[in-house]
Every structure is written in C-alpha cells, then in structure tokens.
C-alpha cells in the first residue's frame, strides 16, 4: 500500500464510520499520512482523529477508537496503535506495500508524487533583485506547478546572465504594486561568492540545498566527485540506478517488483536449494520509506516554497540507495532470478525519483557519471 492509497483508506474508514452512525461529520477530502513522530510507531501515522474531533463533538481519542476497527479491516494493514491525544499509528504488510509502492513509482516515472492536473490554485511569487531569491522562486514555481497550481513569478530585477547560465525564468520584471509584497526572500549568497562560475547544476544546487535562513556556500566543494559532496552522491546514485537497467538488459532480464520472498528453484543458485528474500519485503526498509515519503516531501516543499526540503530529501534517498544498488545484479555463477528482477525494479524506482526530483530543482540527472 502506497501513501496515496493509505490516505484513501483512511478516508474510506471515516466514511464507513459515518455510514454506520458512529460519527456525525462531513468526510474530509484529504487525510494526511506521514512517518510517525516522536512517541509513535508503525510505518505511518495520521492525525485525522484530531481533525474530526471538534466537528464530531467528541474527544480525539474517542474518534480514533471509532476509526481503528475500520482501518484494521482494510487489506494491507496489519496493526493500528493509538498514541498521544489520538494519533493513529498504522503498520503495513511490508512485502505487499513495497511491491505496490515500486509499481506505482514505475507507472508514474519521473512524475511520481506530482498532481494529475490543475487543482485551481493560483499562486503569485514575487522576489527581490537577488540571484538566490530568483533561483529559489524559480524552483518553488516548478514545485507548485508539479502539485497542480498555476504560478506566476515576478522579480524586482533579473540579470540576463542569470537566465543564460542558471536557467531561471520569470514572467515579469519590475516593482510590484503595494498589495503584492515580496514573498520569496532567502538569505542572499555572500558578495564574494560566484555561483554562476560553478555552472548551472552545481550553481543551482549551491543556492537551493541550504535552508532559506542559512547563508549558502558557493565554492568548488559542489564540483568535487567525492562522497563529501551531496550533489555528487545524488547524481551518482541516479547514474548507478540507470546503469543497473542497462547491465540487466545485457544479462537478459528486466524489472518486476515481484511477490516478495523467493525460494527454491527460482533462487538462481546452482542447486536451487538456497533461500533468497526479495528486497521489497524487508531488505531495504529505509530506502522504501524514503521513496514512500517522496509525495509528502514534494507537497510540503511546494506549500512552504522551500525547494531545500526536496534537495535534502534527494540526499536521503541517495544515501539509502547507494548501499543497496550493488546488490541488484547477479554475482558469480548466479542466474537472474525473481529476487534480482525485484531489486532491479526498486533500482529503477530510485532512478525515477532522483531524476524527477532533480528536474524540479532545474538540475540535470546524467545517466553516466
């Protein structure tokens, strides 16, 4: 079960409770699910009971107790635990949820986590005549559009080189009327810094990766091909994921998320007696959790006009993926098995998420590095 599917399941639980006369509320249009916070447990948590408590005229914990059995009856949910004032902590069938998650990512490709189409929102971003502000506004606009918003970006000034070297785009330049205040104003880069000398990709990363209140460093650290460089790790993980697909094709097999555990003659071992567990069951839980969190991160980064959240999330995905990617292809005398096809599917999901995320930041994702 993916986060999107779980959100729908939570709403269905509310609807069933309403239909049964257990709650008297209007069913909301959205239920937020996210990794559990401090004191939580399981795979995801939702505060839907706290959201419904006031209209239901009941304490949040009572609303959560009403919803719990309806969630426990849903396919793919193995346990629901109540914590705090009424948080519902949900545990999923890991093998089934992993297969569903990877399948969804592969269906959406680089647009995983993006909206189906326009949602009716109109957003105006206005920034000062400052390089970092214009780059952040450009990336924030990309994120908002990915979530269905119609966005117009204006700036009080833009230098031609900013567009030609860093690829920023604004809809209008000049002072805005009084009713349109500056609403994108990160801490500027130091006057001594020259992000444009780094090129488009490293220059944009140098300005977007730090939080808006942090002063960015625009030096050669963003160009070095070492593990100390977060941008290098993200692009290297993407290139390794793409290489896995090419190498698998040379070996004659393709990706398939698969059913999870693999045993017996399909293990790819010479005697067919070993047991291999496909990665989507439990071999890469941190990586699966990071991929599952991608839609939430995109939505939050768009809502807060904070592309730094996406940049840091891509680093999290890459750091979880890099130890996993060497396990994708058969080794020695192994033959391609269901486990390898499942691992390849997970690798391709990693490539799609990293490529899509970098594109939203305006940064290239090379297949070879």
Protein backbone atom coordinates (compact mmCIF):
# COMPACT_ATOMS: atom_id res chain seq x y z
CA UNK A 1 0.00 0.00 0.00
CA UNK A 2 1.40 3.37 -1.03
CA UNK A 3 0.96 6.59 0.99
CA UNK A 4 -1.63 7.80 -1.51
CA UNK A 5 -3.57 4.55 -1.21
CA UNK A 6 -3.29 4.67 2.59
CA UNK A 7 -4.68 8.21 2.61
CA UNK A 8 -7.67 6.96 0.60
CA UNK A 9 -8.04 4.01 3.01
CA UNK A 10 -8.19 6.41 5.97
CA UNK A 11 -10.91 8.42 4.24
CA UNK A 12 -12.83 5.21 3.49
CA UNK A 13 -12.61 4.33 7.20
CA UNK A 14 -14.12 7.71 8.08
CA UNK A 15 -16.87 7.20 5.53
CA UNK A 16 -17.70 3.75 6.92
CA UNK A 17 -17.85 5.16 10.45
CA UNK A 18 -20.20 7.91 9.24
CA UNK A 19 -22.40 5.43 7.35
CA UNK A 20 -22.59 3.26 10.48
CA UNK A 21 -23.76 6.22 12.56
CA UNK A 22 -20.63 6.13 14.72
CA UNK A 23 -19.51 9.62 13.68
CA UNK A 24 -21.53 12.64 12.60
CA UNK A 25 -19.10 14.62 10.43
CA UNK A 26 -18.54 15.63 6.83
CA UNK A 27 -15.98 13.29 5.30
CA UNK A 28 -12.87 15.39 4.55
CA UNK A 29 -11.35 15.50 1.08
CA UNK A 30 -7.85 14.74 2.28
CA UNK A 31 -6.21 12.67 5.00
CA UNK A 32 -2.55 13.36 5.70
CA UNK A 33 -0.36 10.34 6.41
CA UNK A 34 3.31 10.71 7.33
CA UNK A 35 6.05 8.79 9.13
CA UNK A 36 5.32 8.59 12.87
CA UNK A 37 6.65 11.37 15.05
CA UNK A 38 8.28 11.04 18.49
CA UNK A 39 6.38 8.51 20.57
CA UNK A 40 4.75 6.99 17.50
CA UNK A 41 5.20 3.55 15.98
CA UNK A 42 4.45 1.59 12.83
CA UNK A 43 5.00 2.73 9.26
CA UNK A 44 2.71 5.77 9.06
CA UNK A 45 0.64 7.95 11.35
CA UNK A 46 -2.37 10.17 10.75
CA UNK A 47 -3.93 12.95 12.82
CA UNK A 48 -7.35 12.56 11.17
CA UNK A 49 -8.98 11.94 14.57
CA UNK A 50 -7.72 15.29 15.88
CA UNK A 51 -9.02 16.95 12.71
CA UNK A 52 -12.51 15.45 13.16
CA UNK A 53 -12.82 15.80 16.93
CA UNK A 54 -14.37 19.27 17.02
CA UNK A 55 -16.99 18.70 14.27
CA UNK A 56 -17.78 15.28 15.77
CA UNK A 57 -18.22 16.77 19.25
CA UNK A 58 -16.05 14.03 20.73
CA UNK A 59 -12.53 13.84 22.20
CA UNK A 60 -9.85 12.99 19.59
CA UNK A 61 -9.02 9.73 21.35
CA UNK A 62 -12.66 8.62 21.14
CA UNK A 63 -12.74 9.40 17.40
CA UNK A 64 -9.54 7.40 16.96
CA UNK A 65 -11.07 4.45 18.81
CA UNK A 66 -14.06 4.57 16.44
CA UNK A 67 -11.83 4.61 13.35
CA UNK A 68 -9.38 1.91 14.48
CA UNK A 69 -11.52 -1.18 13.70
CA UNK A 70 -12.42 0.21 10.28
CA UNK A 71 -8.73 0.58 9.47
CA UNK A 72 -7.84 -2.85 10.82
CA UNK A 73 -10.31 -4.39 8.38
CA UNK A 74 -8.54 -2.90 5.36
CA UNK A 75 -6.29 -5.02 3.13
CA UNK A 76 -2.58 -4.37 3.63
CA UNK A 77 -2.90 -3.06 7.21
CA UNK A 78 -1.54 -5.35 9.90
CA UNK A 79 -1.94 -3.21 13.04
CA UNK A 80 -3.23 0.18 14.25
CA UNK A 81 -1.98 1.64 17.54
CA UNK A 82 -3.33 4.76 19.25
CA UNK A 83 -0.81 7.14 20.77
CA UNK A 84 -0.84 10.61 22.31
CA UNK A 85 -4.08 12.58 22.13
CA UNK A 86 -5.44 10.48 19.27
CA UNK A 87 -2.84 9.69 16.63
CA UNK A 88 -3.47 6.54 14.61
CA UNK A 89 -0.19 4.69 14.00
CA UNK A 90 -0.55 2.23 11.13
CA UNK A 91 1.62 -0.80 10.36
CA UNK A 92 1.54 -2.21 6.84
CA UNK A 93 2.20 -5.56 5.24
CA UNK A 94 5.75 -4.72 4.20
CA UNK A 95 6.05 -7.13 1.28
CA UNK A 96 2.73 -6.08 -0.26
CA UNK A 97 3.27 -2.37 0.40
CA UNK A 98 6.77 -2.49 -1.07
CA UNK A 99 5.56 -4.13 -4.27
CA UNK A 100 2.70 -1.64 -4.56
CA UNK A 101 4.96 1.33 -3.92
CA UNK A 102 7.55 0.34 -6.51
CA UNK A 103 4.84 -0.49 -9.02
CA UNK A 104 3.27 2.94 -8.55
CA UNK A 105 6.61 4.71 -8.98
CA UNK A 106 7.33 2.78 -12.17
CA UNK A 107 3.88 3.66 -13.53
CA UNK A 108 4.33 7.37 -12.84
CA UNK A 109 8.03 7.50 -13.69
CA UNK A 110 9.66 10.85 -13.01
CA UNK A 111 6.23 12.36 -12.24
CA UNK A 112 5.74 10.20 -9.15
CA UNK A 113 4.36 12.44 -6.43
CA UNK A 114 3.03 15.03 -8.88
CA UNK A 115 -0.60 16.04 -9.30
CA UNK A 116 -2.81 14.60 -12.04
CA UNK A 117 -3.61 18.10 -13.33
CA UNK A 118 -4.51 21.66 -12.29
CA UNK A 119 -6.17 21.97 -8.89
CA UNK A 120 -7.50 25.50 -9.30
CA UNK A 121 -4.91 27.28 -7.14
CA UNK A 122 -3.34 30.48 -8.46
CA UNK A 123 -0.08 31.47 -6.76
CA UNK A 124 1.92 34.68 -7.22
CA UNK A 125 5.60 34.62 -6.25
CA UNK A 126 7.50 37.89 -6.04
CA UNK A 127 11.18 38.20 -5.16
CA UNK A 128 13.78 40.96 -4.87
CA UNK A 129 16.61 41.70 -7.30
CA UNK A 130 18.83 38.97 -5.84
CA UNK A 131 20.32 35.91 -7.52
CA UNK A 132 19.46 33.40 -4.81
CA UNK A 133 15.93 34.75 -4.41
CA UNK A 134 15.27 34.42 -8.13
CA UNK A 135 16.64 30.85 -8.24
CA UNK A 136 14.59 29.84 -5.20
CA UNK A 137 11.45 31.43 -6.70
CA UNK A 138 12.07 29.57 -9.98
CA UNK A 139 12.41 26.21 -8.18
CA UNK A 140 9.42 26.93 -5.92
CA UNK A 141 7.34 27.66 -9.01
CA UNK A 142 8.38 24.31 -10.52
CA UNK A 143 7.32 22.55 -7.32
CA UNK A 144 3.98 24.36 -7.11
CA UNK A 145 3.20 23.54 -10.74
CA UNK A 146 4.02 19.89 -10.07
CA UNK A 147 1.30 19.96 -7.39
CA UNK A 148 -1.33 21.42 -9.71
CA UNK A 149 -1.00 25.17 -9.05
CA UNK A 150 -0.97 27.89 -11.68
CA UNK A 151 2.05 30.05 -10.83
CA UNK A 152 3.23 33.49 -11.89
CA UNK A 153 6.74 34.59 -10.91
CA UNK A 154 7.82 38.22 -10.83
CA UNK A 155 11.09 39.79 -9.68
CA UNK A 156 12.23 43.30 -8.98
CA UNK A 157 15.25 42.65 -11.18
CA UNK A 158 16.88 39.83 -13.16
CA UNK A 159 20.29 39.90 -14.82
CA UNK A 160 20.50 38.33 -18.31
CA UNK A 161 23.33 36.04 -17.18
CA UNK A 162 21.10 34.53 -14.50
CA UNK A 163 18.83 33.21 -17.22
CA UNK A 164 21.54 32.11 -19.65
CA UNK A 165 23.79 30.44 -17.06
CA UNK A 166 21.41 29.21 -14.36
CA UNK A 167 18.22 28.79 -16.39
CA UNK A 168 15.94 30.93 -14.23
CA UNK A 169 12.65 32.08 -15.72
CA UNK A 170 10.31 34.82 -14.53
CA UNK A 171 7.08 36.08 -16.03
CA UNK A 172 7.69 39.79 -15.39
CA UNK A 173 10.38 42.10 -14.05
CA UNK A 174 9.80 45.29 -12.10
CA UNK A 175 8.42 46.63 -8.88
CA UNK A 176 5.14 45.06 -7.87
CA UNK A 177 2.14 47.03 -6.59
CA UNK A 178 1.84 47.55 -2.85
CA UNK A 179 -0.69 44.73 -2.50
CA UNK A 180 1.91 42.22 -3.77
CA UNK A 181 4.72 42.10 -1.21
CA UNK A 182 7.95 40.19 -1.63
CA UNK A 183 7.17 36.63 -0.51
CA UNK A 184 10.38 34.84 -1.53
CA UNK A 185 13.38 36.29 0.30
CA UNK A 186 16.05 33.77 1.34
CA UNK A 187 19.32 34.91 2.90
CA UNK A 188 21.47 36.12 -0.03
CA UNK A 189 24.71 34.45 -1.03
CA UNK A 190 27.86 36.23 0.19
CA UNK A 191 29.05 39.01 -2.09
CA UNK A 192 32.33 37.16 -2.57
CA UNK A 193 30.54 34.05 -3.82
CA UNK A 194 30.04 33.42 -7.54
CA UNK A 195 27.52 30.59 -8.00
CA UNK A 196 27.45 31.12 -11.77
CA UNK A 197 31.11 30.08 -12.02
CA UNK A 198 30.03 26.60 -10.89
CA UNK A 199 27.79 26.06 -13.90
CA UNK A 200 24.04 25.56 -13.98
CA UNK A 201 23.74 22.35 -11.98
CA UNK A 202 26.21 22.97 -9.16
CA UNK A 203 25.34 26.67 -9.06
CA UNK A 204 21.63 26.00 -8.57
CA UNK A 205 22.33 23.27 -6.00
CA UNK A 206 24.60 25.60 -4.02
CA UNK A 207 21.75 28.12 -3.75
CA UNK A 208 18.86 25.66 -3.25
CA UNK A 209 20.24 22.99 -0.89
CA UNK A 210 20.69 25.21 2.22
CA UNK A 211 17.59 26.26 4.17
CA UNK A 212 16.36 29.78 3.28
CA UNK A 213 17.64 31.20 6.58
CA UNK A 214 21.15 29.74 6.05
CA UNK A 215 23.77 31.58 4.03
CA UNK A 216 24.83 29.40 1.09
CA UNK A 217 28.41 28.48 0.23
CA UNK A 218 29.17 28.73 -3.47
CA UNK A 219 32.62 27.21 -3.75
CA UNK A 220 34.30 24.31 -5.52
CA UNK A 221 33.03 21.80 -2.92
CA UNK A 222 29.94 21.44 -5.12
CA UNK A 223 32.07 20.27 -8.06
CA UNK A 224 34.20 17.57 -6.45
CA UNK A 225 33.27 13.96 -7.21
CA UNK A 226 33.56 12.66 -3.67
CA UNK A 227 31.16 11.36 -1.05
CA UNK A 228 31.53 14.61 0.86
CA UNK A 229 29.58 16.35 -1.92
CA UNK A 230 25.80 15.76 -1.52
CA UNK A 231 25.07 16.70 -5.14
CA UNK A 232 27.60 14.16 -6.35
CA UNK A 233 26.02 11.44 -4.18
CA UNK A 234 22.56 12.16 -5.59
CA UNK A 235 23.70 12.17 -9.21
CA UNK A 236 25.97 9.16 -8.68
CA UNK A 237 23.10 7.14 -7.19
CA UNK A 238 20.97 8.09 -10.19
CA UNK A 239 23.69 7.05 -12.62
CA UNK A 240 24.18 3.72 -10.78
CA UNK A 241 20.44 3.04 -10.95
CA UNK A 242 20.38 3.70 -14.71
CA UNK A 243 23.48 1.54 -15.18
CA UNK A 244 21.71 -1.34 -13.41
CA UNK A 245 18.97 -1.26 -16.06
CA UNK A 246 21.50 -1.28 -18.91
CA UNK A 247 23.53 -4.10 -17.37
CA UNK A 248 20.42 -6.15 -16.65
CA UNK A 249 19.39 -5.83 -20.30
CA UNK A 250 22.80 -7.21 -21.29
CA UNK A 251 22.11 -10.18 -18.99
CA UNK A 252 18.67 -10.70 -20.50
CA UNK A 253 16.29 -9.73 -17.70
CA UNK A 254 14.02 -6.81 -16.87
CA UNK A 255 12.43 -5.31 -13.78
CA UNK A 256 9.45 -6.83 -11.97
CA UNK A 257 8.54 -5.82 -8.40
CA UNK A 258 7.52 -9.43 -7.77
CA UNK A 259 5.70 -11.06 -4.87
CA UNK A 260 8.40 -10.68 -2.19
CA UNK A 261 10.03 -13.84 -0.78
CA UNK A 262 11.67 -16.13 -3.33
CA UNK A 263 12.70 -19.70 -2.56
CA UNK A 264 13.54 -22.97 -4.25
CA UNK A 265 14.43 -23.35 -7.92
CA UNK A 266 13.91 -19.65 -8.73
CA UNK A 267 16.73 -18.52 -6.49
CA UNK A 268 19.28 -18.54 -9.28
CA UNK A 269 21.66 -20.77 -7.28
CA UNK A 270 23.21 -23.83 -8.93
CA UNK A 271 21.34 -26.43 -6.86
CA UNK A 272 18.17 -24.36 -6.35
CA UNK A 273 18.08 -25.05 -2.63
CA UNK A 274 19.02 -21.66 -1.17
CA UNK A 275 16.51 -19.15 0.06
CA UNK A 276 16.62 -15.59 -1.26
CA UNK A 277 14.41 -12.84 0.11
CA UNK A 278 13.38 -10.25 -2.42
CA UNK A 279 14.32 -6.73 -1.34
CA UNK A 280 10.79 -5.43 -1.35
CA UNK A 281 9.91 -7.47 1.72
CA UNK A 282 12.40 -6.18 4.26
CA UNK A 283 15.93 -5.90 2.85
CA UNK A 284 15.75 -2.15 2.12
CA UNK A 285 13.24 -0.68 4.59
CA UNK A 286 14.96 2.72 4.84
CA UNK A 287 15.06 3.08 1.08
CA UNK A 288 11.40 2.11 0.70
CA UNK A 289 10.44 4.55 3.47
CA UNK A 290 12.33 7.36 1.74
CA UNK A 291 10.68 6.61 -1.61
CA UNK A 292 7.24 6.40 0.01
CA UNK A 293 7.81 9.80 1.62
CA UNK A 294 8.53 11.49 -1.72
CA UNK A 295 4.96 12.71 -2.46
CA UNK A 296 4.66 14.22 1.01
CA UNK A 297 8.01 15.98 0.64
CA UNK A 298 7.02 17.41 -2.74
CA UNK A 299 3.74 18.73 -1.35
CA UNK A 300 5.42 20.25 1.71
CA UNK A 301 8.22 21.80 -0.34
CA UNK A 302 5.64 23.37 -2.63
CA UNK A 303 3.39 24.60 0.19
CA UNK A 304 6.29 26.22 2.05
CA UNK A 305 8.09 27.48 -1.09
CA UNK A 306 11.07 25.51 0.21
CA UNK A 307 13.00 23.64 -2.51
CA UNK A 308 15.69 22.94 0.10
CA UNK A 309 13.34 20.31 1.56
CA UNK A 310 13.34 18.44 -1.73
CA UNK A 311 17.12 18.78 -2.11
CA UNK A 312 17.74 17.28 1.33
CA UNK A 313 15.19 14.54 0.66
CA UNK A 314 17.03 13.54 -2.52
CA UNK A 315 20.20 13.20 -0.46
CA UNK A 316 18.30 10.92 1.93
CA UNK A 317 17.10 8.75 -0.96
CA UNK A 318 20.58 8.58 -2.47
CA UNK A 319 22.24 7.70 0.83
CA UNK A 320 19.72 4.88 1.37
CA UNK A 321 20.12 3.67 -2.22
CA UNK A 322 23.90 3.58 -2.56
CA UNK A 323 24.45 0.56 -0.25
CA UNK A 324 21.57 -1.26 -1.95
CA UNK A 325 22.44 -0.75 -5.63
CA UNK A 326 25.46 -3.14 -5.68
CA UNK A 327 23.08 -6.00 -4.75
CA UNK A 328 20.86 -5.62 -7.83
CA UNK A 329 22.72 -7.73 -10.40
CA UNK A 330 23.60 -11.44 -10.16
CA UNK A 331 27.06 -12.28 -8.89
CA UNK A 332 29.42 -15.06 -9.85
CA UNK A 333 27.51 -18.08 -11.11
CA UNK A 334 24.08 -16.76 -10.18
CA UNK A 335 21.38 -16.63 -12.82
CA UNK A 336 18.84 -13.79 -12.94
CA UNK A 337 16.02 -14.66 -10.55
CA UNK A 338 12.79 -13.16 -9.28
CA UNK A 339 14.81 -11.57 -6.47
CA UNK A 340 17.08 -9.85 -8.98
CA UNK A 341 14.09 -8.65 -11.02
CA UNK A 342 12.54 -7.21 -7.87
CA UNK A 343 15.78 -5.48 -6.91
CA UNK A 344 16.05 -4.06 -10.42
CA UNK A 345 12.51 -2.68 -10.12
CA UNK A 346 13.49 -0.96 -6.88
CA UNK A 347 16.63 0.44 -8.53
CA UNK A 348 14.56 1.81 -11.41
CA UNK A 349 12.20 3.42 -8.88
CA UNK A 350 15.22 5.09 -7.28
CA UNK A 351 16.32 6.40 -10.67
CA UNK A 352 12.87 7.80 -11.41
CA UNK A 353 12.56 9.59 -8.06
CA UNK A 354 16.05 11.10 -8.24
CA UNK A 355 15.64 12.19 -11.87
CA UNK A 356 12.22 13.71 -11.23
CA UNK A 357 13.40 15.49 -8.10
CA UNK A 358 16.50 16.94 -9.75
CA UNK A 359 14.41 18.12 -12.69
CA UNK A 360 12.11 20.02 -10.35
CA UNK A 361 15.20 21.76 -8.97
CA UNK A 362 16.29 22.60 -12.51
CA UNK A 363 19.30 20.27 -12.32
CA UNK A 364 20.36 17.66 -14.86
CA UNK A 365 20.40 13.96 -13.93
CA UNK A 366 23.04 12.31 -16.15
CA UNK A 367 22.76 8.61 -16.95
CA UNK A 368 26.56 8.34 -16.99
CA UNK A 369 28.82 9.92 -14.40
